[in-house]
Amino acid sequence: GRTNSNNGMGWFRQAPGKEREFVAAISRSGGSTYYADSVK
C-alpha cells in the first residue's frame, strides 16, 4: 500500500491476560533501532 509515507516500524507483543507491550522498533532509514530492556 502507501509505504512511501512510512516513518518507522515497530514490533509489539501481547501475552494472555496482559497488556500489549513494546518489543522493538526501527526508523525509516534503519539507522536507529529501539528495544525493550527485556529483549535487548
ModelCIF file with pLDDT and N, C-alpha, C, O atoms, coordinates in Angstrom:
data_MODEL
#
_entry.id   MODEL 
#
_entity.id                         1 
_entity.type                       polymer 
_entity.pdbx_number_of_molecules   1 
#
_entity_poly.entity_id                      1 
_entity_poly.type                           'polypeptide(L)' 
_entity_poly.nstd_linkage                   no 
_entity_poly.nstd_monomer                   no 
_entity_poly.pdbx_seq_one_letter_code       GRTNSNNGMGWFRQAPGKEREFVAAISRSGGSTYYADSVK 
_entity_poly.pdbx_seq_one_letter_code_can   GRTNSNNGMGWFRQAPGKEREFVAAISRSGGSTYYADSVK 
_entity_poly.pdbx_strand_id                 A 
#
loop_
_entity_poly_seq.entity_id 
_entity_poly_seq.num 
_entity_poly_seq.mon_id 
_entity_poly_seq.hetero 
1 1  GLY n 
1 2  ARG n 
1 3  THR n 
1 4  ASN n 
1 5  SER n 
1 6  ASN n 
1 7  ASN n 
1 8  GLY n 
1 9  MET n 
1 10 GLY n 
1 11 TRP n 
1 12 PHE n 
1 13 ARG n 
1 14 GLN n 
1 15 ALA n 
1 16 PRO n 
1 17 GLY n 
1 18 LYS n 
1 19 GLU n 
1 20 ARG n 
1 21 GLU n 
1 22 PHE n 
1 23 VAL n 
1 24 ALA n 
1 25 ALA n 
1 26 ILE n 
1 27 SER n 
1 28 ARG n 
1 29 SER n 
1 30 GLY n 
1 31 GLY n 
1 32 SER n 
1 33 THR n 
1 34 TYR n 
1 35 TYR n 
1 36 ALA n 
1 37 ASP n 
1 38 SER n 
1 39 VAL n 
1 40 LYS n 
#
_struct_asym.id          A 
_struct_asym.entity_id   1 
#
loop_
_ma_qa_metric.id 
_ma_qa_metric.mode 
_ma_qa_metric.name 
_ma_qa_metric.software_group_id 
_ma_qa_metric.type 
1 global pLDDT . pLDDT 
2 local  pLDDT . pLDDT 
#
_ma_qa_metric_global.metric_id      1 
_ma_qa_metric_global.metric_value   94.90 
_ma_qa_metric_global.model_id       1 
_ma_qa_metric_global.ordinal_id     1 
#
loop_
_ma_qa_metric_local.label_asym_id 
_ma_qa_metric_local.label_comp_id 
_ma_qa_metric_local.label_seq_id 
_ma_qa_metric_local.metric_id 
_ma_qa_metric_local.metric_value 
_ma_qa_metric_local.model_id 
_ma_qa_metric_local.ordinal_id 
A GLY 1  2 92.00 1 1  
A ARG 2  2 88.00 1 2  
A THR 3  2 86.00 1 3  
A ASN 4  2 85.00 1 4  
A SER 5  2 84.00 1 5  
A ASN 6  2 86.00 1 6  
A ASN 7  2 87.00 1 7  
A GLY 8  2 95.00 1 8  
A MET 9  2 97.00 1 9  
A GLY 10 2 98.00 1 10 
A TRP 11 2 98.00 1 11 
A PHE 12 2 98.00 1 12 
A ARG 13 2 98.00 1 13 
A GLN 14 2 98.00 1 14 
A ALA 15 2 97.00 1 15 
A PRO 16 2 93.00 1 16 
A GLY 17 2 95.00 1 17 
A LYS 18 2 96.00 1 18 
A GLU 19 2 96.00 1 19 
A ARG 20 2 97.00 1 20 
A GLU 21 2 98.00 1 21 
A PHE 22 2 98.00 1 22 
A VAL 23 2 98.00 1 23 
A ALA 24 2 98.00 1 24 
A ALA 25 2 98.00 1 25 
A ILE 26 2 97.00 1 26 
A SER 27 2 95.00 1 27 
A ARG 28 2 93.00 1 28 
A SER 29 2 92.00 1 29 
A GLY 30 2 93.00 1 30 
A GLY 31 2 94.00 1 31 
A SER 32 2 96.00 1 32 
A THR 33 2 97.00 1 33 
A TYR 34 2 98.00 1 34 
A TYR 35 2 98.00 1 35 
A ALA 36 2 98.00 1 36 
A ASP 37 2 98.00 1 37 
A SER 38 2 97.00 1 38 
A VAL 39 2 98.00 1 39 
A LYS 40 2 98.00 1 40 
#
loop_
_atom_site.group_PDB 
_atom_site.id 
_atom_site.type_symbol 
_atom_site.label_atom_id 
_atom_site.label_alt_id 
_atom_site.label_comp_id 
_atom_site.label_asym_id 
_atom_site.label_entity_id 
_atom_site.label_seq_id 
_atom_site.pdbx_PDB_ins_code 
_atom_site.Cartn_x 
_atom_site.Cartn_y 
_atom_site.Cartn_z 
_atom_site.occupancy 
_atom_site.B_iso_or_equiv 
_atom_site.pdbx_formal_charge 
_atom_site.auth_seq_id 
_atom_site.auth_comp_id 
_atom_site.auth_asym_id 
_atom_site.auth_atom_id 
_atom_site.pdbx_PDB_model_num 
ATOM 1   N N  . GLY A 1 1  ? 0.826  -1.194  0.000  1.00 92.00 ? 1  GLY A N  1 
ATOM 2   C CA . GLY A 1 1  ? 0.000  0.000   0.000  1.00 92.00 ? 1  GLY A CA 1 
ATOM 3   C C  . GLY A 1 1  ? 0.866  1.253   0.000  1.00 92.00 ? 1  GLY A C  1 
ATOM 4   O O  . GLY A 1 1  ? 1.877  1.307   -0.700 1.00 92.00 ? 1  GLY A O  1 
ATOM 5   N N  . ARG A 1 2  ? 0.484  2.246   0.768  1.00 88.00 ? 2  ARG A N  1 
ATOM 6   C CA . ARG A 1 2  ? 1.176  3.537   0.790  1.00 88.00 ? 2  ARG A CA 1 
ATOM 7   C C  . ARG A 1 2  ? 2.405  3.493   1.685  1.00 88.00 ? 2  ARG A C  1 
ATOM 8   O O  . ARG A 1 2  ? 2.467  4.168   2.712  1.00 88.00 ? 2  ARG A O  1 
ATOM 9   N N  . THR A 1 3  ? 3.368  2.699   1.285  1.00 86.00 ? 3  THR A N  1 
ATOM 10  C CA . THR A 1 3  ? 4.566  2.519   2.109  1.00 86.00 ? 3  THR A CA 1 
ATOM 11  C C  . THR A 1 3  ? 5.507  3.712   2.013  1.00 86.00 ? 3  THR A C  1 
ATOM 12  O O  . THR A 1 3  ? 6.407  3.839   2.843  1.00 86.00 ? 3  THR A O  1 
ATOM 13  N N  . ASN A 1 4  ? 5.331  4.586   1.035  1.00 85.00 ? 4  ASN A N  1 
ATOM 14  C CA . ASN A 1 4  ? 6.252  5.711   0.897  1.00 85.00 ? 4  ASN A CA 1 
ATOM 15  C C  . ASN A 1 4  ? 6.090  6.732   2.002  1.00 85.00 ? 4  ASN A C  1 
ATOM 16  O O  . ASN A 1 4  ? 6.947  7.600   2.165  1.00 85.00 ? 4  ASN A O  1 
ATOM 17  N N  . SER A 1 5  ? 5.016  6.652   2.762  1.00 84.00 ? 5  SER A N  1 
ATOM 18  C CA . SER A 1 5  ? 4.817  7.587   3.873  1.00 84.00 ? 5  SER A CA 1 
ATOM 19  C C  . SER A 1 5  ? 5.302  7.010   5.197  1.00 84.00 ? 5  SER A C  1 
ATOM 20  O O  . SER A 1 5  ? 5.060  7.586   6.258  1.00 84.00 ? 5  SER A O  1 
ATOM 21  N N  . ASN A 1 6  ? 5.984  5.874   5.133  1.00 86.00 ? 6  ASN A N  1 
ATOM 22  C CA . ASN A 1 6  ? 6.407  5.224   6.376  1.00 86.00 ? 6  ASN A CA 1 
ATOM 23  C C  . ASN A 1 6  ? 7.417  6.061   7.141  1.00 86.00 ? 6  ASN A C  1 
ATOM 24  O O  . ASN A 1 6  ? 8.358  6.602   6.561  1.00 86.00 ? 6  ASN A O  1 
ATOM 25  N N  . ASN A 1 7  ? 7.214  6.161   8.444  1.00 87.00 ? 7  ASN A N  1 
ATOM 26  C CA . ASN A 1 7  ? 8.090  6.925   9.323  1.00 87.00 ? 7  ASN A CA 1 
ATOM 27  C C  . ASN A 1 7  ? 8.878  6.037   10.260 1.00 87.00 ? 7  ASN A C  1 
ATOM 28  O O  . ASN A 1 7  ? 9.852  6.479   10.870 1.00 87.00 ? 7  ASN A O  1 
ATOM 29  N N  . GLY A 1 8  ? 8.464  4.786   10.380 1.00 95.00 ? 8  GLY A N  1 
ATOM 30  C CA . GLY A 1 8  ? 9.120  3.858   11.278 1.00 95.00 ? 8  GLY A CA 1 
ATOM 31  C C  . GLY A 1 8  ? 8.236  2.646   11.461 1.00 95.00 ? 8  GLY A C  1 
ATOM 32  O O  . GLY A 1 8  ? 7.034  2.695   11.200 1.00 95.00 ? 8  GLY A O  1 
ATOM 33  N N  . MET A 1 9  ? 8.832  1.565   11.906 1.00 97.00 ? 9  MET A N  1 
ATOM 34  C CA . MET A 1 9  ? 8.113  0.309   12.108 1.00 97.00 ? 9  MET A CA 1 
ATOM 35  C C  . MET A 1 9  ? 8.399  -0.219  13.500 1.00 97.00 ? 9  MET A C  1 
ATOM 36  O O  . MET A 1 9  ? 9.474  0.009   14.055 1.00 97.00 ? 9  MET A O  1 
ATOM 37  N N  . GLY A 1 10 ? 7.436  -0.921  14.054 1.00 98.00 ? 10 GLY A N  1 
ATOM 38  C CA . GLY A 1 10 ? 7.630  -1.478  15.388 1.00 98.00 ? 10 GLY A CA 1 
ATOM 39  C C  . GLY A 1 10 ? 7.072  -2.875  15.511 1.00 98.00 ? 10 GLY A C  1 
ATOM 40  O O  . GLY A 1 10 ? 6.228  -3.302  14.723 1.00 98.00 ? 10 GLY A O  1 
ATOM 41  N N  . TRP A 1 11 ? 7.561  -3.579  16.517 1.00 98.00 ? 11 TRP A N  1 
ATOM 42  C CA . TRP A 1 11 ? 7.006  -4.868  16.922 1.00 98.00 ? 11 TRP A CA 1 
ATOM 43  C C  . TRP A 1 11 ? 6.508  -4.730  18.358 1.00 98.00 ? 11 TRP A C  1 
ATOM 44  O O  . TRP A 1 11 ? 7.198  -4.195  19.226 1.00 98.00 ? 11 TRP A O  1 
ATOM 45  N N  . PHE A 1 12 ? 5.321  -5.214  18.577 1.00 98.00 ? 12 PHE A N  1 
ATOM 46  C CA . PHE A 1 12 ? 4.729  -5.280  19.903 1.00 98.00 ? 12 PHE A CA 1 
ATOM 47  C C  . PHE A 1 12 ? 4.301  -6.722  20.157 1.00 98.00 ? 12 PHE A C  1 
ATOM 48  O O  . PHE A 1 12 ? 4.217  -7.524  19.227 1.00 98.00 ? 12 PHE A O  1 
ATOM 49  N N  . ARG A 1 13 ? 4.030  -7.046  21.416 1.00 98.00 ? 13 ARG A N  1 
ATOM 50  C CA . ARG A 1 13 ? 3.542  -8.388  21.730 1.00 98.00 ? 13 ARG A CA 1 
ATOM 51  C C  . ARG A 1 13 ? 2.517  -8.308  22.838 1.00 98.00 ? 13 ARG A C  1 
ATOM 52  O O  . ARG A 1 13 ? 2.498  -7.377  23.643 1.00 98.00 ? 13 ARG A O  1 
ATOM 53  N N  . GLN A 1 14 ? 1.665  -9.316  22.850 1.00 98.00 ? 14 GLN A N  1 
ATOM 54  C CA . GLN A 1 14 ? 0.643  -9.397  23.881 1.00 98.00 ? 14 GLN A CA 1 
ATOM 55  C C  . GLN A 1 14 ? 0.490  -10.833 24.325 1.00 98.00 ? 14 GLN A C  1 
ATOM 56  O O  . GLN A 1 14 ? 0.148  -11.714 23.536 1.00 98.00 ? 14 GLN A O  1 
ATOM 57  N N  . ALA A 1 15 ? 0.749  -11.052 25.591 1.00 97.00 ? 15 ALA A N  1 
ATOM 58  C CA . ALA A 1 15 ? 0.587  -12.371 26.189 1.00 97.00 ? 15 ALA A CA 1 
ATOM 59  C C  . ALA A 1 15 ? -0.816 -12.472 26.787 1.00 97.00 ? 15 ALA A C  1 
ATOM 60  O O  . ALA A 1 15 ? -1.434 -11.447 27.078 1.00 97.00 ? 15 ALA A O  1 
ATOM 61  N N  . PRO A 1 16 ? -1.325 -13.684 26.972 1.00 93.00 ? 16 PRO A N  1 
ATOM 62  C CA . PRO A 1 16 ? -2.672 -13.843 27.534 1.00 93.00 ? 16 PRO A CA 1 
ATOM 63  C C  . PRO A 1 16 ? -2.807 -13.139 28.884 1.00 93.00 ? 16 PRO A C  1 
ATOM 64  O O  . PRO A 1 16 ? -1.986 -13.332 29.780 1.00 93.00 ? 16 PRO A O  1 
ATOM 65  N N  . GLY A 1 17 ? -3.844 -12.327 29.015 1.00 95.00 ? 17 GLY A N  1 
ATOM 66  C CA . GLY A 1 17 ? -4.114 -11.653 30.273 1.00 95.00 ? 17 GLY A CA 1 
ATOM 67  C C  . GLY A 1 17 ? -3.233 -10.445 30.547 1.00 95.00 ? 17 GLY A C  1 
ATOM 68  O O  . GLY A 1 17 ? -3.294 -9.859  31.628 1.00 95.00 ? 17 GLY A O  1 
ATOM 69  N N  . LYS A 1 18 ? -2.408 -10.070 29.562 1.00 96.00 ? 18 LYS A N  1 
ATOM 70  C CA . LYS A 1 18 ? -1.501 -8.939  29.772 1.00 96.00 ? 18 LYS A CA 1 
ATOM 71  C C  . LYS A 1 18 ? -1.753 -7.848  28.744 1.00 96.00 ? 18 LYS A C  1 
ATOM 72  O O  . LYS A 1 18 ? -2.394 -8.077  27.717 1.00 96.00 ? 18 LYS A O  1 
ATOM 73  N N  . GLU A 1 19 ? -1.239 -6.657  29.036 1.00 96.00 ? 19 GLU A N  1 
ATOM 74  C CA . GLU A 1 19 ? -1.346 -5.545  28.103 1.00 96.00 ? 19 GLU A CA 1 
ATOM 75  C C  . GLU A 1 19 ? -0.363 -5.744  26.946 1.00 96.00 ? 19 GLU A C  1 
ATOM 76  O O  . GLU A 1 19 ? 0.653  -6.427  27.083 1.00 96.00 ? 19 GLU A O  1 
ATOM 77  N N  . ARG A 1 20 ? -0.687 -5.139  25.819 1.00 97.00 ? 20 ARG A N  1 
ATOM 78  C CA . ARG A 1 20 ? 0.242  -5.151  24.694 1.00 97.00 ? 20 ARG A CA 1 
ATOM 79  C C  . ARG A 1 20 ? 1.477  -4.333  25.080 1.00 97.00 ? 20 ARG A C  1 
ATOM 80  O O  . ARG A 1 20 ? 1.358  -3.244  25.641 1.00 97.00 ? 20 ARG A O  1 
ATOM 81  N N  . GLU A 1 21 ? 2.658  -4.865  24.774 1.00 98.00 ? 21 GLU A N  1 
ATOM 82  C CA . GLU A 1 21 ? 3.877  -4.181  25.165 1.00 98.00 ? 21 GLU A CA 1 
ATOM 83  C C  . GLU A 1 21 ? 4.830  -4.011  23.988 1.00 98.00 ? 21 GLU A C  1 
ATOM 84  O O  . GLU A 1 21 ? 4.838  -4.802  23.044 1.00 98.00 ? 21 GLU A O  1 
ATOM 85  N N  . PHE A 1 22 ? 5.618  -2.972  24.075 1.00 98.00 ? 22 PHE A N  1 
ATOM 86  C CA . PHE A 1 22 ? 6.614  -2.669  23.058 1.00 98.00 ? 22 PHE A CA 1 
ATOM 87  C C  . PHE A 1 22 ? 7.734  -3.704  23.100 1.00 98.00 ? 22 PHE A C  1 
ATOM 88  O O  . PHE A 1 22 ? 8.158  -4.136  24.172 1.00 98.00 ? 22 PHE A O  1 
ATOM 89  N N  . VAL A 1 23 ? 8.204  -4.093  21.919 1.00 98.00 ? 23 VAL A N  1 
ATOM 90  C CA . VAL A 1 23 ? 9.320  -5.033  21.827 1.00 98.00 ? 23 VAL A CA 1 
ATOM 91  C C  . VAL A 1 23 ? 10.524 -4.370  21.164 1.00 98.00 ? 23 VAL A C  1 
ATOM 92  O O  . VAL A 1 23 ? 11.611 -4.333  21.741 1.00 98.00 ? 23 VAL A O  1 
ATOM 93  N N  . ALA A 1 24 ? 10.331 -3.848  19.951 1.00 98.00 ? 24 ALA A N  1 
ATOM 94  C CA . ALA A 1 24 ? 11.434 -3.255  19.200 1.00 98.00 ? 24 ALA A CA 1 
ATOM 95  C C  . ALA A 1 24 ? 10.868 -2.351  18.123 1.00 98.00 ? 24 ALA A C  1 
ATOM 96  O O  . ALA A 1 24 ? 9.711  -2.484  17.725 1.00 98.00 ? 24 ALA A O  1 
ATOM 97  N N  . ALA A 1 25 ? 11.708 -1.418  17.653 1.00 98.00 ? 25 ALA A N  1 
ATOM 98  C CA . ALA A 1 25 ? 11.284 -0.526  16.578 1.00 98.00 ? 25 ALA A CA 1 
ATOM 99  C C  . ALA A 1 25 ? 12.492 -0.101  15.769 1.00 98.00 ? 25 ALA A C  1 
ATOM 100 O O  . ALA A 1 25 ? 13.635 -0.197  16.218 1.00 98.00 ? 25 ALA A O  1 
ATOM 101 N N  . ILE A 1 26 ? 12.211 0.374   14.559 1.00 97.00 ? 26 ILE A N  1 
ATOM 102 C CA . ILE A 1 26 ? 13.288 0.792   13.665 1.00 97.00 ? 26 ILE A CA 1 
ATOM 103 C C  . ILE A 1 26 ? 12.818 1.989   12.863 1.00 97.00 ? 26 ILE A C  1 
ATOM 104 O O  . ILE A 1 26 ? 11.661 2.054   12.446 1.00 97.00 ? 26 ILE A O  1 
ATOM 105 N N  . SER A 1 27 ? 13.723 2.940   12.648 1.00 95.00 ? 27 SER A N  1 
ATOM 106 C CA . SER A 1 27 ? 13.379 4.137   11.914 1.00 95.00 ? 27 SER A CA 1 
ATOM 107 C C  . SER A 1 27 ? 13.226 3.851   10.427 1.00 95.00 ? 27 SER A C  1 
ATOM 108 O O  . SER A 1 27 ? 13.540 2.757   9.958  1.00 95.00 ? 27 SER A O  1 
ATOM 109 N N  . ARG A 1 28 ? 12.745 4.836   9.699  1.00 93.00 ? 28 ARG A N  1 
ATOM 110 C CA . ARG A 1 28 ? 12.507 4.684   8.265  1.00 93.00 ? 28 ARG A CA 1 
ATOM 111 C C  . ARG A 1 28 ? 13.758 4.223   7.516  1.00 93.00 ? 28 ARG A C  1 
ATOM 112 O O  . ARG A 1 28 ? 13.695 3.334   6.666  1.00 93.00 ? 28 ARG A O  1 
ATOM 113 N N  . SER A 1 29 ? 14.880 4.833   7.839  1.00 92.00 ? 29 SER A N  1 
ATOM 114 C CA . SER A 1 29 ? 16.131 4.500   7.146  1.00 92.00 ? 29 SER A CA 1 
ATOM 115 C C  . SER A 1 29 ? 16.777 3.227   7.672  1.00 92.00 ? 29 SER A C  1 
ATOM 116 O O  . SER A 1 29 ? 17.625 2.631   7.009  1.00 92.00 ? 29 SER A O  1 
ATOM 117 N N  . GLY A 1 30 ? 16.373 2.817   8.861  1.00 93.00 ? 30 GLY A N  1 
ATOM 118 C CA . GLY A 1 30 ? 17.027 1.686   9.509  1.00 93.00 ? 30 GLY A CA 1 
ATOM 119 C C  . GLY A 1 30 ? 18.213 2.093   10.348 1.00 93.00 ? 30 GLY A C  1 
ATOM 120 O O  . GLY A 1 30 ? 18.859 1.246   10.966 1.00 93.00 ? 30 GLY A O  1 
ATOM 121 N N  . GLY A 1 31 ? 18.510 3.384   10.379 1.00 94.00 ? 31 GLY A N  1 
ATOM 122 C CA . GLY A 1 31 ? 19.673 3.850   11.095 1.00 94.00 ? 31 GLY A CA 1 
ATOM 123 C C  . GLY A 1 31 ? 19.513 3.904   12.602 1.00 94.00 ? 31 GLY A C  1 
ATOM 124 O O  . GLY A 1 31 ? 20.500 3.946   13.337 1.00 94.00 ? 31 GLY A O  1 
ATOM 125 N N  . SER A 1 32 ? 18.276 3.903   13.061 1.00 96.00 ? 32 SER A N  1 
ATOM 126 C CA . SER A 1 32 ? 18.019 3.923   14.504 1.00 96.00 ? 32 SER A CA 1 
ATOM 127 C C  . SER A 1 32 ? 17.144 2.738   14.881 1.00 96.00 ? 32 SER A C  1 
ATOM 128 O O  . SER A 1 32 ? 16.139 2.457   14.227 1.00 96.00 ? 32 SER A O  1 
ATOM 129 N N  . THR A 1 33 ? 17.537 2.052   15.939 1.00 97.00 ? 33 THR A N  1 
ATOM 130 C CA . THR A 1 33 ? 16.759 0.934   16.448 1.00 97.00 ? 33 THR A CA 1 
ATOM 131 C C  . THR A 1 33 ? 16.514 1.127   17.942 1.00 97.00 ? 33 THR A C  1 
ATOM 132 O O  . THR A 1 33 ? 17.280 1.790   18.642 1.00 97.00 ? 33 THR A O  1 
ATOM 133 N N  . TYR A 1 34 ? 15.432 0.532   18.400 1.00 98.00 ? 34 TYR A N  1 
ATOM 134 C CA . TYR A 1 34 ? 15.000 0.699   19.785 1.00 98.00 ? 34 TYR A CA 1 
ATOM 135 C C  . TYR A 1 34 ? 14.532 -0.661  20.301 1.00 98.00 ? 34 TYR A C  1 
ATOM 136 O O  . TYR A 1 34 ? 13.921 -1.435  19.564 1.00 98.00 ? 34 TYR A O  1 
ATOM 137 N N  . TYR A 1 35 ? 14.823 -0.945  21.570 1.00 98.00 ? 35 TYR A N  1 
ATOM 138 C CA . TYR A 1 35 ? 14.469 -2.247  22.140 1.00 98.00 ? 35 TYR A CA 1 
ATOM 139 C C  . TYR A 1 35 ? 13.944 -2.097  23.549 1.00 98.00 ? 35 TYR A C  1 
ATOM 140 O O  . TYR A 1 35 ? 14.363 -1.212  24.294 1.00 98.00 ? 35 TYR A O  1 
ATOM 141 N N  . ALA A 1 36 ? 13.031 -2.963  23.901 1.00 98.00 ? 36 ALA A N  1 
ATOM 142 C CA . ALA A 1 36 ? 12.635 -3.107  25.295 1.00 98.00 ? 36 ALA A CA 1 
ATOM 143 C C  . ALA A 1 36 ? 13.783 -3.752  26.063 1.00 98.00 ? 36 ALA A C  1 
ATOM 144 O O  . ALA A 1 36 ? 14.525 -4.566  25.513 1.00 98.00 ? 36 ALA A O  1 
ATOM 145 N N  . ASP A 1 37 ? 13.924 -3.390  27.325 1.00 98.00 ? 37 ASP A N  1 
ATOM 146 C CA . ASP A 1 37 ? 15.010 -3.948  28.127 1.00 98.00 ? 37 ASP A CA 1 
ATOM 147 C C  . ASP A 1 37 ? 14.939 -5.475  28.190 1.00 98.00 ? 37 ASP A C  1 
ATOM 148 O O  . ASP A 1 37 ? 15.969 -6.144  28.271 1.00 98.00 ? 37 ASP A O  1 
ATOM 149 N N  . SER A 1 38 ? 13.740 -6.014  28.153 1.00 97.00 ? 38 SER A N  1 
ATOM 150 C CA . SER A 1 38 ? 13.556 -7.459  28.310 1.00 97.00 ? 38 SER A CA 1 
ATOM 151 C C  . SER A 1 38 ? 14.083 -8.253  27.119 1.00 97.00 ? 38 SER A C  1 
ATOM 152 O O  . SER A 1 38 ? 14.302 -9.459  27.236 1.00 97.00 ? 38 SER A O  1 
ATOM 153 N N  . VAL A 1 39 ? 14.290 -7.603  25.978 1.00 98.00 ? 39 VAL A N  1 
ATOM 154 C CA . VAL A 1 39 ? 14.745 -8.321  24.785 1.00 98.00 ? 39 VAL A CA 1 
ATOM 155 C C  . VAL A 1 39 ? 16.102 -7.843  24.291 1.00 98.00 ? 39 VAL A C  1 
ATOM 156 O O  . VAL A 1 39 ? 16.665 -8.420  23.361 1.00 98.00 ? 39 VAL A O  1 
ATOM 157 N N  . LYS A 1 40 ? 16.624 -6.801  24.903 1.00 98.00 ? 40 LYS A N  1 
ATOM 158 C CA . LYS A 1 40 ? 17.892 -6.223  24.454 1.00 98.00 ? 40 LYS A CA 1 
ATOM 159 C C  . LYS A 1 40 ? 18.992 -7.284  24.541 1.00 98.00 ? 40 LYS A C  1 
ATOM 160 O O  . LYS A 1 40 ? 20.144 -7.007  24.208 1.00 98.00 ? 40 LYS A O  1 
#
